[in-house]
Amino acid sequence: MLRLLEIHGGANIYIPEKAEGSKLSDNIGIDAARALIAHIGYGEMKIPLCKPWRIALLREAGMSINDISRRLLVSRSMVQRTLGEKVARRRSCKLRRG
């Protein structure tokens, strides 16, 4: 899911009926594409940015605040504030139809 958000976050994309041979599977892998199609179905979908969730996930993976800021193109203070408020743990990231 993180790969999908990093590539397409904030945009609308088309989810195909089948993962095999699709751009989606090229971007996120065949297993992840199959799982997404099984969970969401096919059609157009808006991919959220989910920055608080991504900040928490990257920090848990051991990234520094500076590295997270650069990767997500946000200020260092936003990363610190998000981690300090534990917003990322309270909020979830949900995919929805666009």
Protein backbone atom coordinates (compact mmCIF):
# COMPACT_ATOMS: atom_id res chain seq x y z
CA MET A 1 0.00 0.00 0.00
CA LEU A 2 2.85 2.40 0.79
CA ARG A 3 4.20 2.03 -2.75
CA LEU A 4 0.76 2.82 -4.20
CA LEU A 5 0.50 5.96 -2.07
CA GLU A 6 3.99 7.12 -2.97
CA ILE A 7 3.44 6.68 -6.69
CA HIS A 8 -0.18 7.82 -7.06
CA GLY A 9 -1.12 9.65 -3.82
CA GLY A 10 -3.46 12.56 -4.51
CA ALA A 11 -4.43 11.35 -7.98
CA ASN A 12 -7.19 9.32 -9.56
CA ILE A 13 -6.14 6.02 -11.10
CA TYR A 14 -7.90 3.22 -12.90
CA ILE A 15 -7.96 -0.14 -11.14
CA PRO A 16 -8.15 -2.88 -13.81
CA GLU A 17 -10.33 -5.97 -13.67
CA LYS A 18 -7.27 -8.22 -13.77
CA ALA A 19 -3.84 -7.59 -12.30
CA GLU A 20 -1.88 -9.58 -14.86
CA GLY A 21 -0.12 -7.34 -17.37
CA SER A 22 -1.47 -4.11 -15.86
CA LYS A 23 0.37 -0.89 -15.06
CA LEU A 24 -0.88 -1.31 -11.51
CA SER A 25 0.96 -4.62 -11.12
CA ASP A 26 4.06 -3.06 -12.70
CA ASN A 27 3.93 -0.31 -10.06
CA ILE A 28 3.08 -2.21 -6.90
CA GLY A 29 3.68 -5.86 -7.74
CA ILE A 30 1.34 -8.59 -8.88
CA ASP A 31 0.39 -9.84 -5.40
CA ALA A 32 -0.43 -6.35 -4.10
CA ALA A 33 -2.40 -5.56 -7.27
CA ARG A 34 -4.43 -8.77 -6.93
CA ALA A 35 -5.14 -8.00 -3.27
CA LEU A 36 -6.23 -4.45 -4.08
CA ILE A 37 -8.54 -5.61 -6.87
CA ALA A 38 -10.04 -8.28 -4.61
CA HIS A 39 -10.62 -5.74 -1.83
CA ILE A 40 -11.76 -2.70 -3.83
CA GLY A 41 -12.85 -4.03 -7.20
CA TYR A 42 -12.10 -2.32 -10.49
CA GLY A 43 -12.82 1.17 -11.79
CA GLU A 44 -11.58 4.68 -11.09
CA MET A 45 -10.30 5.42 -7.61
CA LYS A 46 -8.88 8.45 -5.83
CA ILE A 47 -5.68 7.57 -4.01
CA PRO A 48 -5.33 9.56 -0.76
CA LEU A 49 -2.08 11.13 0.45
CA CYS A 50 -2.27 9.67 4.00
CA LYS A 51 0.71 11.69 5.19
CA PRO A 52 0.16 11.19 8.95
CA TRP A 53 -0.09 7.42 8.49
CA ARG A 54 2.96 7.39 6.21
CA ILE A 55 4.96 9.48 8.70
CA ALA A 56 4.25 6.97 11.47
CA LEU A 57 5.03 3.99 9.24
CA LEU A 58 8.34 5.45 8.06
CA ARG A 59 9.37 6.38 11.60
CA GLU A 60 8.57 2.87 12.82
CA ALA A 61 10.77 1.58 10.00
CA GLY A 62 13.65 3.55 11.52
CA MET A 63 13.79 6.62 9.27
CA SER A 64 15.00 9.90 10.75
CA ILE A 65 12.77 12.96 10.89
CA ASN A 66 14.95 14.64 8.25
CA ASP A 67 14.67 11.65 5.91
CA ILE A 68 10.90 11.48 6.35
CA SER A 69 10.61 15.20 5.63
CA ARG A 70 12.57 14.84 2.40
CA ARG A 71 10.77 11.72 1.27
CA LEU A 72 7.27 13.13 1.82
CA LEU A 73 8.16 16.70 0.84
CA VAL A 74 6.87 18.14 4.11
CA SER A 75 8.49 20.33 6.71
CA ARG A 76 10.46 18.88 9.56
CA SER A 77 8.07 20.60 11.98
CA MET A 78 5.09 18.83 10.39
CA VAL A 79 6.77 15.46 10.95
CA GLN A 80 7.60 16.35 14.56
CA ARG A 81 4.10 17.67 15.21
CA THR A 82 2.46 14.60 13.67
CA LEU A 83 4.60 12.20 15.68
CA GLY A 84 4.16 14.27 18.85
CA GLU A 85 0.40 14.35 18.57
CA LYS A 86 0.25 10.67 17.66
CA VAL A 87 -2.20 11.68 14.94
CA ALA A 88 -0.89 8.93 12.71
CA ARG A 89 -1.91 6.22 15.15
CA ARG A 90 -5.47 7.55 15.51
CA ARG A 91 -6.09 8.08 11.83
CA SER A 92 -6.24 5.36 9.28
CA CYS A 93 -5.70 5.49 5.59
CA LYS A 94 -8.68 4.33 3.55
CA LEU A 95 -8.98 3.93 -0.17
CA ARG A 96 -12.26 5.08 -1.68
CA ARG A 97 -13.92 5.42 -5.00
CA GLY A 98 -13.06 8.72 -6.71
